[in-house]
Full PDB file with SEQRES, HELIX, SHEET, SSBOND, CRYST1, ORIGX, SCALE, CONECT and MASTER records, all heavy atoms in Angstrom:
SEQRES   1 A   37  THR LEU SER PHE ARG GLY MET THR LEU THR PRO ILE ASP          
SEQRES   2 A   37  CYS ALA VAL LEU ALA HIS VAL ILE GLY LEU CYS ASP THR          
SEQRES   3 A   37  ILE LYS HIS LEU ASP LEU GLU ASN CYS HIS ILE                  
HELIX    1 AA1 PRO A   11  LEU A   23  1                                  13    
SHEET    1 AA1 2 LEU A   2  SER A   3  0                                        
SHEET    2 AA1 2 LEU A  30  ASP A  31  1                                        
CRYST1    1.000    1.000    1.000  90.00  90.00  90.00 P 1           1          
ORIGX1      1.000000  0.000000  0.000000        0.00000                         
ORIGX2      0.000000  1.000000  0.000000        0.00000                         
ORIGX3      0.000000  0.000000  1.000000        0.00000                         
SCALE1      1.000000  0.000000  0.000000        0.00000                         
SCALE2      0.000000  1.000000  0.000000        0.00000                         
SCALE3      0.000000  0.000000  1.000000        0.00000                         
ATOM      1  N   THR A   1      65.878  32.294 -14.225  1.00  0.00           N  
ATOM      2  CA  THR A   1      65.476  32.242 -12.758  1.00  0.00           C  
ATOM      3  C   THR A   1      66.672  31.884 -11.894  1.00  0.00           C  
ATOM      4  O   THR A   1      67.344  30.911 -12.164  1.00  0.00           O  
ATOM      5  CB  THR A   1      64.325  31.200 -12.516  1.00  0.00           C  
ATOM      6  OG1 THR A   1      63.185  31.624 -13.300  1.00  0.00           O  
ATOM      7  CG2 THR A   1      63.972  31.176 -11.073  1.00  0.00           C  
ATOM      8  N   LEU A   2      66.913  32.601 -10.842  1.00  0.00           N  
ATOM      9  CA  LEU A   2      67.822  32.265  -9.762  1.00  0.00           C  
ATOM     10  C   LEU A   2      66.996  32.126  -8.476  1.00  0.00           C  
ATOM     11  O   LEU A   2      66.437  33.050  -8.017  1.00  0.00           O  
ATOM     12  CB  LEU A   2      68.877  33.285  -9.656  1.00  0.00           C  
ATOM     13  CG  LEU A   2      69.970  33.411 -10.684  1.00  0.00           C  
ATOM     14  CD1 LEU A   2      70.881  34.613 -10.478  1.00  0.00           C  
ATOM     15  CD2 LEU A   2      70.832  32.103 -10.847  1.00  0.00           C  
ATOM     16  N   SER A   3      67.025  30.920  -7.923  1.00  0.00           N  
ATOM     17  CA  SER A   3      66.356  30.623  -6.720  1.00  0.00           C  
ATOM     18  C   SER A   3      67.237  30.102  -5.606  1.00  0.00           C  
ATOM     19  O   SER A   3      67.887  29.052  -5.814  1.00  0.00           O  
ATOM     20  CB  SER A   3      65.145  29.687  -6.954  1.00  0.00           C  
ATOM     21  OG  SER A   3      64.499  29.334  -5.721  1.00  0.00           O  
ATOM     22  N   PHE A   4      67.213  30.770  -4.519  1.00  0.00           N  
ATOM     23  CA  PHE A   4      68.040  30.324  -3.317  1.00  0.00           C  
ATOM     24  C   PHE A   4      67.132  30.267  -2.054  1.00  0.00           C  
ATOM     25  O   PHE A   4      67.569  30.408  -0.972  1.00  0.00           O  
ATOM     26  CB  PHE A   4      69.274  31.163  -3.089  1.00  0.00           C  
ATOM     27  CG  PHE A   4      70.264  31.152  -4.176  1.00  0.00           C  
ATOM     28  CD1 PHE A   4      70.283  32.120  -5.214  1.00  0.00           C  
ATOM     29  CD2 PHE A   4      71.211  30.099  -4.224  1.00  0.00           C  
ATOM     30  CE1 PHE A   4      71.209  32.071  -6.236  1.00  0.00           C  
ATOM     31  CE2 PHE A   4      72.083  30.070  -5.307  1.00  0.00           C  
ATOM     32  CZ  PHE A   4      72.078  31.013  -6.301  1.00  0.00           C  
ATOM     33  N   ARG A   5      65.843  30.006  -2.335  1.00  0.00           N  
ATOM     34  CA  ARG A   5      64.825  30.053  -1.282  1.00  0.00           C  
ATOM     35  C   ARG A   5      65.222  29.126  -0.118  1.00  0.00           C  
ATOM     36  O   ARG A   5      65.601  27.955  -0.349  1.00  0.00           O  
ATOM     37  CB  ARG A   5      63.468  29.650  -1.892  1.00  0.00           C  
ATOM     38  CG  ARG A   5      62.358  29.618  -0.845  1.00  0.00           C  
ATOM     39  CD  ARG A   5      61.076  29.082  -1.442  1.00  0.00           C  
ATOM     40  NE  ARG A   5      60.577  30.006  -2.499  1.00  0.00           N  
ATOM     41  CZ  ARG A   5      59.443  30.613  -2.364  1.00  0.00           C  
ATOM     42  NH1 ARG A   5      58.656  30.365  -1.310  1.00  0.00           N  
ATOM     43  NH2 ARG A   5      58.994  31.416  -3.284  1.00  0.00           N  
ATOM     44  N   GLY A   6      65.240  29.689   1.050  1.00  0.00           N  
ATOM     45  CA  GLY A   6      65.487  28.835   2.250  1.00  0.00           C  
ATOM     46  C   GLY A   6      66.955  28.631   2.543  1.00  0.00           C  
ATOM     47  O   GLY A   6      67.311  27.979   3.587  1.00  0.00           O  
ATOM     48  N   MET A   7      67.813  29.223   1.773  1.00  0.00           N  
ATOM     49  CA  MET A   7      69.250  29.033   2.079  1.00  0.00           C  
ATOM     50  C   MET A   7      69.873  30.327   2.616  1.00  0.00           C  
ATOM     51  O   MET A   7      69.558  31.417   2.189  1.00  0.00           O  
ATOM     52  CB  MET A   7      69.968  28.736   0.738  1.00  0.00           C  
ATOM     53  CG  MET A   7      71.445  28.625   0.777  1.00  0.00           C  
ATOM     54  SD  MET A   7      72.155  28.239  -0.892  1.00  0.00           S  
ATOM     55  CE  MET A   7      73.858  28.319  -0.499  1.00  0.00           C  
ATOM     56  N   THR A   8      70.657  30.204   3.666  1.00  0.00           N  
ATOM     57  CA  THR A   8      71.241  31.401   4.263  1.00  0.00           C  
ATOM     58  C   THR A   8      72.280  31.994   3.347  1.00  0.00           C  
ATOM     59  O   THR A   8      73.195  31.358   2.888  1.00  0.00           O  
ATOM     60  CB  THR A   8      71.901  30.981   5.577  1.00  0.00           C  
ATOM     61  OG1 THR A   8      70.971  30.466   6.479  1.00  0.00           O  
ATOM     62  CG2 THR A   8      72.534  32.216   6.263  1.00  0.00           C  
ATOM     63  N   LEU A   9      72.115  33.215   3.110  1.00  0.00           N  
ATOM     64  CA  LEU A   9      72.987  34.049   2.201  1.00  0.00           C  
ATOM     65  C   LEU A   9      73.760  35.128   3.050  1.00  0.00           C  
ATOM     66  O   LEU A   9      73.096  35.909   3.747  1.00  0.00           O  
ATOM     67  CB  LEU A   9      72.238  34.719   1.027  1.00  0.00           C  
ATOM     68  CG  LEU A   9      71.546  33.749   0.035  1.00  0.00           C  
ATOM     69  CD1 LEU A   9      70.796  34.534  -0.999  1.00  0.00           C  
ATOM     70  CD2 LEU A   9      72.543  32.790  -0.610  1.00  0.00           C  
ATOM     71  N   THR A  10      75.026  35.193   2.934  1.00  0.00           N  
ATOM     72  CA  THR A  10      75.826  36.197   3.562  1.00  0.00           C  
ATOM     73  C   THR A  10      75.810  37.460   2.708  1.00  0.00           C  
ATOM     74  O   THR A  10      75.470  37.474   1.495  1.00  0.00           O  
ATOM     75  CB  THR A  10      77.314  35.792   3.744  1.00  0.00           C  
ATOM     76  OG1 THR A  10      77.902  35.598   2.450  1.00  0.00           O  
ATOM     77  CG2 THR A  10      77.302  34.369   4.410  1.00  0.00           C  
ATOM     78  N   PRO A  11      76.284  38.605   3.304  1.00  0.00           N  
ATOM     79  CA  PRO A  11      76.381  39.815   2.476  1.00  0.00           C  
ATOM     80  C   PRO A  11      77.300  39.626   1.255  1.00  0.00           C  
ATOM     81  O   PRO A  11      77.120  40.209   0.208  1.00  0.00           O  
ATOM     82  CB  PRO A  11      77.009  40.752   3.450  1.00  0.00           C  
ATOM     83  CG  PRO A  11      76.441  40.412   4.801  1.00  0.00           C  
ATOM     84  CD  PRO A  11      76.442  38.847   4.684  1.00  0.00           C  
ATOM     85  N   ILE A  12      78.364  38.811   1.445  1.00  0.00           N  
ATOM     86  CA  ILE A  12      79.225  38.525   0.289  1.00  0.00           C  
ATOM     87  C   ILE A  12      78.513  37.810  -0.822  1.00  0.00           C  
ATOM     88  O   ILE A  12      78.629  38.045  -2.006  1.00  0.00           O  
ATOM     89  CB  ILE A  12      80.474  37.620   0.694  1.00  0.00           C  
ATOM     90  CG1 ILE A  12      81.205  38.454   1.745  1.00  0.00           C  
ATOM     91  CG2 ILE A  12      81.335  37.250  -0.479  1.00  0.00           C  
ATOM     92  CD1 ILE A  12      82.408  39.039   1.406  1.00  0.00           C  
ATOM     93  N   ASP A  13      77.701  36.776  -0.429  1.00  0.00           N  
ATOM     94  CA  ASP A  13      76.786  36.091  -1.394  1.00  0.00           C  
ATOM     95  C   ASP A  13      75.957  37.042  -2.137  1.00  0.00           C  
ATOM     96  O   ASP A  13      75.721  36.961  -3.393  1.00  0.00           O  
ATOM     97  CB  ASP A  13      76.006  35.012  -0.738  1.00  0.00           C  
ATOM     98  CG  ASP A  13      76.751  33.863  -0.133  1.00  0.00           C  
ATOM     99  OD1 ASP A  13      77.867  33.577  -0.563  1.00  0.00           O  
ATOM    100  OD2 ASP A  13      76.336  33.349   0.875  1.00  0.00           O  
ATOM    101  N   CYS A  14      75.411  37.963  -1.362  1.00  0.00           N  
ATOM    102  CA  CYS A  14      74.526  39.020  -2.033  1.00  0.00           C  
ATOM    103  C   CYS A  14      75.240  39.912  -3.030  1.00  0.00           C  
ATOM    104  O   CYS A  14      74.764  40.277  -4.099  1.00  0.00           O  
ATOM    105  CB  CYS A  14      73.880  39.908  -0.920  1.00  0.00           C  
ATOM    106  SG  CYS A  14      72.700  38.931   0.139  1.00  0.00           S  
ATOM    107  N   ALA A  15      76.540  40.251  -2.683  1.00  0.00           N  
ATOM    108  CA  ALA A  15      77.338  41.034  -3.637  1.00  0.00           C  
ATOM    109  C   ALA A  15      77.620  40.244  -4.848  1.00  0.00           C  
ATOM    110  O   ALA A  15      77.629  40.813  -5.932  1.00  0.00           O  
ATOM    111  CB  ALA A  15      78.680  41.420  -2.884  1.00  0.00           C  
ATOM    112  N   VAL A  16      77.847  38.980  -4.741  1.00  0.00           N  
ATOM    113  CA  VAL A  16      78.078  38.111  -5.958  1.00  0.00           C  
ATOM    114  C   VAL A  16      76.834  38.104  -6.847  1.00  0.00           C  
ATOM    115  O   VAL A  16      76.885  38.233  -8.049  1.00  0.00           O  
ATOM    116  CB  VAL A  16      78.474  36.711  -5.555  1.00  0.00           C  
ATOM    117  CG1 VAL A  16      78.438  35.732  -6.648  1.00  0.00           C  
ATOM    118  CG2 VAL A  16      79.920  36.690  -4.916  1.00  0.00           C  
ATOM    119  N   LEU A  17      75.691  37.924  -6.249  1.00  0.00           N  
ATOM    120  CA  LEU A  17      74.464  37.904  -7.020  1.00  0.00           C  
ATOM    121  C   LEU A  17      74.143  39.251  -7.665  1.00  0.00           C  
ATOM    122  O   LEU A  17      73.770  39.265  -8.898  1.00  0.00           O  
ATOM    123  CB  LEU A  17      73.257  37.559  -6.049  1.00  0.00           C  
ATOM    124  CG  LEU A  17      73.174  36.162  -5.483  1.00  0.00           C  
ATOM    125  CD1 LEU A  17      71.999  35.978  -4.536  1.00  0.00           C  
ATOM    126  CD2 LEU A  17      73.052  35.154  -6.605  1.00  0.00           C  
ATOM    127  N   ALA A  18      74.520  40.368  -7.029  1.00  0.00           N  
ATOM    128  CA  ALA A  18      74.249  41.653  -7.632  1.00  0.00           C  
ATOM    129  C   ALA A  18      75.139  41.833  -8.797  1.00  0.00           C  
ATOM    130  O   ALA A  18      74.787  42.337  -9.889  1.00  0.00           O  
ATOM    131  CB  ALA A  18      74.523  42.756  -6.621  1.00  0.00           C  
ATOM    132  N   HIS A  19      76.408  41.309  -8.665  1.00  0.00           N  
ATOM    133  CA  HIS A  19      77.406  41.405  -9.818  1.00  0.00           C  
ATOM    134  C   HIS A  19      76.886  40.592 -10.999  1.00  0.00           C  
ATOM    135  O   HIS A  19      76.938  41.043 -12.164  1.00  0.00           O  
ATOM    136  CB  HIS A  19      78.726  40.857  -9.302  1.00  0.00           C  
ATOM    137  CG  HIS A  19      79.775  40.771 -10.403  1.00  0.00           C  
ATOM    138  ND1 HIS A  19      80.490  41.864 -10.850  1.00  0.00           N  
ATOM    139  CD2 HIS A  19      80.234  39.689 -11.109  1.00  0.00           C  
ATOM    140  CE1 HIS A  19      81.302  41.470 -11.791  1.00  0.00           C  
ATOM    141  NE2 HIS A  19      81.198  40.177 -11.943  1.00  0.00           N  
ATOM    142  N   VAL A  20      76.452  39.393 -10.711  1.00  0.00           N  
ATOM    143  CA  VAL A  20      75.942  38.530 -11.777  1.00  0.00           C  
ATOM    144  C   VAL A  20      74.728  39.084 -12.510  1.00  0.00           C  
ATOM    145  O   VAL A  20      74.612  39.102 -13.739  1.00  0.00           O  
ATOM    146  CB  VAL A  20      75.560  37.098 -11.264  1.00  0.00           C  
ATOM    147  CG1 VAL A  20      74.798  36.280 -12.195  1.00  0.00           C  
ATOM    148  CG2 VAL A  20      76.851  36.326 -10.832  1.00  0.00           C  
ATOM    149  N   ILE A  21      73.795  39.550 -11.725  1.00  0.00           N  
ATOM    150  CA  ILE A  21      72.575  40.140 -12.361  1.00  0.00           C  
ATOM    151  C   ILE A  21      72.942  41.407 -13.118  1.00  0.00           C  
ATOM    152  O   ILE A  21      72.304  41.703 -14.150  1.00  0.00           O  
ATOM    153  CB  ILE A  21      71.519  40.512 -11.171  1.00  0.00           C  
ATOM    154  CG1 ILE A  21      71.040  39.199 -10.538  1.00  0.00           C  
ATOM    155  CG2 ILE A  21      70.334  41.269 -11.711  1.00  0.00           C  
ATOM    156  CD1 ILE A  21      70.342  39.461  -9.269  1.00  0.00           C  
ATOM    157  N   GLY A  22      73.856  42.156 -12.606  1.00  0.00           N  
ATOM    158  CA  GLY A  22      74.257  43.364 -13.355  1.00  0.00           C  
ATOM    159  C   GLY A  22      74.888  43.093 -14.720  1.00  0.00           C  
ATOM    160  O   GLY A  22      74.762  43.904 -15.590  1.00  0.00           O  
ATOM    161  N   LEU A  23      75.447  41.952 -14.881  1.00  0.00           N  
ATOM    162  CA  LEU A  23      76.081  41.571 -16.199  1.00  0.00           C  
ATOM    163  C   LEU A  23      75.098  41.038 -17.138  1.00  0.00           C  
ATOM    164  O   LEU A  23      75.313  41.075 -18.325  1.00  0.00           O  
ATOM    165  CB  LEU A  23      77.235  40.562 -15.885  1.00  0.00           C  
ATOM    166  CG  LEU A  23      78.443  41.008 -15.157  1.00  0.00           C  
ATOM    167  CD1 LEU A  23      79.380  39.851 -14.983  1.00  0.00           C  
ATOM    168  CD2 LEU A  23      79.178  42.107 -15.939  1.00  0.00           C  
ATOM    169  N   CYS A  24      74.012  40.462 -16.672  1.00  0.00           N  
ATOM    170  CA  CYS A  24      73.101  39.701 -17.520  1.00  0.00           C  
ATOM    171  C   CYS A  24      71.686  40.352 -17.511  1.00  0.00           C  
ATOM    172  O   CYS A  24      71.174  40.695 -16.483  1.00  0.00           O  
ATOM    173  CB  CYS A  24      73.039  38.256 -17.032  1.00  0.00           C  
ATOM    174  SG  CYS A  24      74.640  37.466 -17.014  1.00  0.00           S  
ATOM    175  N   ASP A  25      71.127  40.372 -18.703  1.00  0.00           N  
ATOM    176  CA  ASP A  25      69.797  40.892 -18.836  1.00  0.00           C  
ATOM    177  C   ASP A  25      68.653  39.815 -18.993  1.00  0.00           C  
ATOM    178  O   ASP A  25      67.550  40.088 -19.183  1.00  0.00           O  
ATOM    179  CB  ASP A  25      69.693  41.833 -20.106  1.00  0.00           C  
ATOM    180  CG  ASP A  25      70.494  43.097 -19.975  1.00  0.00           C  
ATOM    181  OD1 ASP A  25      70.550  43.599 -18.829  1.00  0.00           O  
ATOM    182  OD2 ASP A  25      71.098  43.483 -20.945  1.00  0.00           O  
ATOM    183  N   THR A  26      69.145  38.564 -18.786  1.00  0.00           N  
ATOM    184  CA  THR A  26      68.284  37.412 -18.938  1.00  0.00           C  
ATOM    185  C   THR A  26      67.541  37.022 -17.684  1.00  0.00           C  
ATOM    186  O   THR A  26      66.492  36.408 -17.743  1.00  0.00           O  
ATOM    187  CB  THR A  26      68.973  36.198 -19.535  1.00  0.00           C  
ATOM    188  OG1 THR A  26      69.986  35.849 -18.594  1.00  0.00           O  
ATOM    189  CG2 THR A  26      69.609  36.516 -20.896  1.00  0.00           C  
ATOM    190  N   ILE A  27      68.063  37.327 -16.515  1.00  0.00           N  
ATOM    191  CA  ILE A  27      67.551  36.946 -15.251  1.00  0.00           C  
ATOM    192  C   ILE A  27      66.275  37.765 -14.933  1.00  0.00           C  
ATOM    193  O   ILE A  27      66.357  38.908 -14.642  1.00  0.00           O  
ATOM    194  CB  ILE A  27      68.592  37.025 -14.106  1.00  0.00           C  
ATOM    195  CG1 ILE A  27      69.717  36.127 -14.432  1.00  0.00           C  
ATOM    196  CG2 ILE A  27      67.956  36.661 -12.789  1.00  0.00           C  
ATOM    197  CD1 ILE A  27      70.966  36.252 -13.506  1.00  0.00           C  
ATOM    198  N   LYS A  28      65.171  37.020 -15.030  1.00  0.00           N  
ATOM    199  CA  LYS A  28      63.863  37.685 -14.817  1.00  0.00           C  
ATOM    200  C   LYS A  28      63.306  37.555 -13.376  1.00  0.00           C  
ATOM    201  O   LYS A  28      62.575  38.392 -12.852  1.00  0.00           O  
ATOM    202  CB  LYS A  28      62.857  37.233 -15.789  1.00  0.00           C  
ATOM    203  CG  LYS A  28      63.224  37.507 -17.232  1.00  0.00           C  
ATOM    204  CD  LYS A  28      62.202  36.952 -18.146  1.00  0.00           C  
ATOM    205  CE  LYS A  28      62.620  37.294 -19.682  1.00  0.00           C  
ATOM    206  NZ  LYS A  28      61.610  36.668 -20.622  1.00  0.00           N  
ATOM    207  N   HIS A  29      63.638  36.347 -12.767  1.00  0.00           N  
ATOM    208  CA  HIS A  29      63.023  36.069 -11.452  1.00  0.00           C  
ATOM    209  C   HIS A  29      64.125  35.804 -10.441  1.00  0.00           C  
ATOM    210  O   HIS A  29      64.846  34.855 -10.652  1.00  0.00           O  
ATOM    211  CB  HIS A  29      62.088  34.866 -11.510  1.00  0.00           C  
ATOM    212  CG  HIS A  29      61.398  34.542 -10.241  1.00  0.00           C  
ATOM    213  ND1 HIS A  29      60.691  33.303 -10.006  1.00  0.00           N  
ATOM    214  CD2 HIS A  29      61.262  35.262  -9.106  1.00  0.00           C  
ATOM    215  CE1 HIS A  29      60.206  33.295  -8.798  1.00  0.00           C  
ATOM    216  NE2 HIS A  29      60.602  34.487  -8.183  1.00  0.00           N  
ATOM    217  N   LEU A  30      64.129  36.523  -9.433  1.00  0.00           N  
ATOM    218  CA  LEU A  30      65.116  36.323  -8.302  1.00  0.00           C  
ATOM    219  C   LEU A  30      64.393  35.937  -7.063  1.00  0.00           C  
ATOM    220  O   LEU A  30      63.675  36.801  -6.504  1.00  0.00           O  
ATOM    221  CB  LEU A  30      65.932  37.562  -8.089  1.00  0.00           C  
ATOM    222  CG  LEU A  30      66.983  37.477  -7.035  1.00  0.00           C  
ATOM    223  CD1 LEU A  30      68.121  36.426  -7.389  1.00  0.00           C  
ATOM    224  CD2 LEU A  30      67.741  38.811  -6.777  1.00  0.00           C  
ATOM    225  N   ASP A  31      64.483  34.713  -6.601  1.00  0.00           N  
ATOM    226  CA  ASP A  31      63.743  34.159  -5.485  1.00  0.00           C  
ATOM    227  C   ASP A  31      64.700  34.026  -4.285  1.00  0.00           C  
ATOM    228  O   ASP A  31      65.563  33.114  -4.230  1.00  0.00           O  
ATOM    229  CB  ASP A  31      63.153  32.910  -5.794  1.00  0.00           C  
ATOM    230  CG  ASP A  31      62.186  32.314  -4.654  1.00  0.00           C  
ATOM    231  OD1 ASP A  31      62.245  32.961  -3.564  1.00  0.00           O  
ATOM    232  OD2 ASP A  31      61.561  31.328  -4.875  1.00  0.00           O  
ATOM    233  N   LEU A  32      64.629  34.954  -3.307  1.00  0.00           N  
ATOM    234  CA  LEU A  32      65.489  35.006  -2.162  1.00  0.00           C  
ATOM    235  C   LEU A  32      64.654  34.929  -0.874  1.00  0.00           C  
ATOM    236  O   LEU A  32      65.027  35.475   0.125  1.00  0.00           O  
ATOM    237  CB  LEU A  32      66.365  36.182  -2.128  1.00  0.00           C  
ATOM    238  CG  LEU A  32      67.285  36.416  -3.334  1.00  0.00           C  
ATOM    239  CD1 LEU A  32      68.086  37.648  -3.223  1.00  0.00           C  
ATOM    240  CD2 LEU A  32      68.169  35.227  -3.596  1.00  0.00           C  
ATOM    241  N   GLU A  33      63.497  34.222  -0.913  1.00  0.00           N  
ATOM    242  CA  GLU A  33      62.716  34.181   0.272  1.00  0.00           C  
ATOM    243  C   GLU A  33      63.394  33.314   1.333  1.00  0.00           C  
ATOM    244  O   GLU A  33      63.978  32.274   1.074  1.00  0.00           O  
ATOM    245  CB  GLU A  33      61.328  33.539  -0.103  1.00  0.00           C  
ATOM    246  CG  GLU A  33      60.445  34.533  -0.906  1.00  0.00           C  
ATOM    247  CD  GLU A  33      58.934  34.249  -0.678  1.00  0.00           C  
ATOM    248  OE1 GLU A  33      58.565  33.492   0.190  1.00  0.00           O  
ATOM    249  OE2 GLU A  33      58.177  34.845  -1.479  1.00  0.00           O  
ATOM    250  N   ASN A  34      63.192  33.816   2.529  1.00  0.00           N  
ATOM    251  CA  ASN A  34      63.747  33.084   3.736  1.00  0.00           C  
ATOM    252  C   ASN A  34      65.146  32.698   3.612  1.00  0.00           C  
ATOM    253  O   ASN A  34      65.610  31.563   3.903  1.00  0.00           O  
ATOM    254  CB  ASN A  34      62.929  31.806   3.947  1.00  0.00           C  
ATOM    255  CG  ASN A  34      63.116  31.196   5.259  1.00  0.00           C  
ATOM    256  OD1 ASN A  34      63.491  31.866   6.299  1.00  0.00           O  
ATOM    257  ND2 ASN A  34      62.924  29.877   5.403  1.00  0.00           N  
ATOM    258  N   CYS A  35      65.979  33.689   3.233  1.00  0.00           N  
ATOM    259  CA  CYS A  35      67.411  33.545   3.104  1.00  0.00           C  
ATOM    260  C   CYS A  35      68.269  34.198   4.194  1.00  0.00           C  
ATOM    261  O   CYS A  35      69.489  34.335   4.083  1.00  0.00           O  
ATOM    262  CB  CYS A  35      67.908  34.048   1.710  1.00  0.00           C  
ATOM    263  SG  CYS A  35      67.393  33.034   0.312  1.00  0.00           S  
ATOM    264  N   HIS A  36      67.536  34.686   5.219  1.00  0.00           N  
ATOM    265  CA  HIS A  36      68.164  35.301   6.333  1.00  0.00           C  
ATOM    266  C   HIS A  36      68.963  36.606   5.936  1.00  0.00           C  
ATOM    267  O   HIS A  36      69.959  36.914   6.482  1.00  0.00           O  
ATOM    268  CB  HIS A  36      69.093  34.399   7.081  1.00  0.00           C  
ATOM    269  CG  HIS A  36      68.398  33.097   7.598  1.00  0.00           C  
ATOM    270  ND1 HIS A  36      67.693  32.992   8.748  1.00  0.00           N  
ATOM    271  CD2 HIS A  36      68.259  31.918   6.999  1.00  0.00           C  
ATOM    272  CE1 HIS A  36      67.258  31.860   8.954  1.00  0.00           C  
ATOM    273  NE2 HIS A  36      67.568  31.113   7.816  1.00  0.00           N  
ATOM    274  N   ILE A  37      68.339  37.311   4.972  1.00  0.00           N  
ATOM    275  CA  ILE A  37      69.034  38.491   4.505  1.00  0.00           C  
ATOM    276  C   ILE A  37      68.541  39.668   5.350  1.00  0.00           C  
ATOM    277  O   ILE A  37      67.378  39.812   5.689  1.00  0.00           O  
ATOM    278  CB  ILE A  37      68.624  38.795   3.024  1.00  0.00           C  
ATOM    279  CG1 ILE A  37      69.127  37.645   2.146  1.00  0.00           C  
ATOM    280  CG2 ILE A  37      69.164  40.106   2.591  1.00  0.00           C  
ATOM    281  CD1 ILE A  37      68.650  37.793   0.719  1.00  0.00           C  
TER     282      ILE A  37                                                      
MASTER        0    0    0    1    2    0    0    6  281    1    0    3          
END                                                                             
């Protein structure tokens, strides 16, 4: 699980998350609610 709920994420932050998720098959839950995306 990766949870950043309520934290402001920039487009660069989102690119980093996409990279990380792309490398790993273990991440099942991505919680990005209210991140100003």
